[in-house]
Protein backbone atom coordinates (compact mmCIF):
# COMPACT_ATOMS: atom_id res chain seq x y z
CA UNK A 1 7.16 -18.62 -31.77
CA UNK A 2 6.50 -20.26 -35.11
CA UNK A 3 9.51 -22.52 -34.55
CA UNK A 4 8.03 -23.69 -31.26
CA UNK A 5 4.69 -24.24 -32.91
CA UNK A 6 6.32 -26.36 -35.62
CA UNK A 7 8.23 -28.33 -32.98
CA UNK A 8 5.03 -29.02 -31.08
CA UNK A 9 3.26 -30.14 -34.24
CA UNK A 10 6.16 -32.43 -35.23
CA UNK A 11 6.28 -33.89 -31.71
CA UNK A 12 2.51 -34.37 -31.54
CA UNK A 13 2.21 -32.03 -28.58
CA UNK A 14 -1.19 -30.43 -28.33
CA UNK A 15 -1.68 -27.10 -26.61
CA UNK A 16 -5.22 -26.42 -25.41
CA UNK A 17 -6.88 -23.38 -26.99
CA UNK A 18 -7.19 -21.76 -23.55
CA UNK A 19 -3.37 -21.69 -23.25
CA UNK A 20 -2.82 -20.09 -26.67
CA UNK A 21 -4.24 -16.78 -25.43
CA UNK A 22 -1.84 -16.80 -22.50
CA UNK A 23 0.82 -14.83 -24.40
CA UNK A 24 -1.71 -12.19 -25.43
CA UNK A 25 -2.99 -11.95 -21.85
CA UNK A 26 0.54 -11.58 -20.51
CA UNK A 27 1.39 -8.96 -23.12
CA UNK A 28 -1.71 -7.02 -22.10
CA UNK A 29 -0.74 -7.26 -18.43
CA UNK A 30 2.76 -6.04 -19.23
CA UNK A 31 1.32 -3.04 -21.07
CA UNK A 32 -1.00 -2.22 -18.16
CA UNK A 33 1.85 -2.53 -15.67
CA UNK A 34 4.09 -0.32 -17.82
CA UNK A 35 1.36 2.32 -17.95
CA UNK A 36 0.95 2.14 -14.17
CA UNK A 37 4.72 2.41 -13.70
CA UNK A 38 4.94 5.41 -16.01
CA UNK A 39 2.09 7.10 -14.15
CA UNK A 40 3.71 6.51 -10.76
CA UNK A 41 7.09 7.66 -12.07
CA UNK A 42 5.54 10.91 -13.30
CA UNK A 43 3.87 11.45 -9.92
CA UNK A 44 7.15 10.74 -8.15
CA UNK A 45 9.00 13.27 -10.31
CA UNK A 46 6.30 15.88 -9.64
CA UNK A 47 6.41 15.27 -5.89
CA UNK A 48 10.22 15.40 -5.85
CA UNK A 49 10.18 18.76 -7.62
CA UNK A 50 7.59 20.07 -5.16
CA UNK A 51 9.62 18.83 -2.19
CA UNK A 52 12.72 20.53 -3.60
CA UNK A 53 10.77 23.78 -3.93
CA UNK A 54 9.67 23.61 -0.29
CA UNK A 55 13.18 22.73 0.89
CA UNK A 56 14.64 25.60 -1.10
CA UNK A 57 12.19 28.05 0.44
CA UNK A 58 12.86 26.65 3.92
CA UNK A 59 16.62 27.20 3.49
CA UNK A 60 16.01 30.77 2.35
CA UNK A 61 13.73 31.49 5.32
CA UNK A 62 16.28 30.04 7.76
CA UNK A 63 19.06 32.22 6.39
CA UNK A 64 16.89 35.32 6.08
CA UNK A 65 16.22 35.47 9.80
CA UNK A 66 15.51 39.02 10.85
CA UNK A 67 14.47 40.28 7.41
CA UNK A 68 11.02 41.63 6.73
CA UNK A 69 8.61 39.29 4.97
CA UNK A 70 8.80 41.37 1.79
CA UNK A 71 12.59 41.11 1.83
CA UNK A 72 12.38 37.34 2.26
CA UNK A 73 10.07 37.16 -0.76
CA UNK A 74 12.49 39.28 -2.80
CA UNK A 75 15.37 37.02 -1.76
CA UNK A 76 13.35 33.95 -2.73
CA UNK A 77 12.58 35.51 -6.12
CA UNK A 78 16.26 36.33 -6.70
CA UNK A 79 17.31 32.78 -5.83
CA UNK A 80 14.89 31.07 -8.23
CA UNK A 81 17.56 30.77 -10.94
CA UNK A 82 20.11 29.22 -8.60
CA UNK A 83 20.64 25.47 -8.66
CA UNK A 84 19.40 23.77 -5.52
CA UNK A 85 21.74 20.89 -4.76
CA UNK A 86 20.91 19.64 -1.30
CA UNK A 87 19.44 20.98 1.90
CA UNK A 88 22.22 19.33 3.91
CA UNK A 89 24.87 21.44 2.19
CA UNK A 90 23.17 24.60 3.36
CA UNK A 91 23.27 23.42 6.97
CA UNK A 92 27.08 23.19 7.10
CA UNK A 93 28.77 26.06 8.84
């Protein structure tokens, strides 16, 4: 930036004072947008985890057809440590 400033001074180019703050304004906007992006990313991750939890439980309920509700809950508890890959894989027969 200082090189540009020196070039402008040597070339007799004047930059209005209102334009000098432009970089600071843009930097502030970038920071605000990054904060908004980080917030939305965190919400997206949270919602994805919640969706996976519901999908996992739905798969268990589908495959536990005929079991008592208490047995379904026990099965769900036992499957908590299993990796859930994809609901579509569970639908293959």
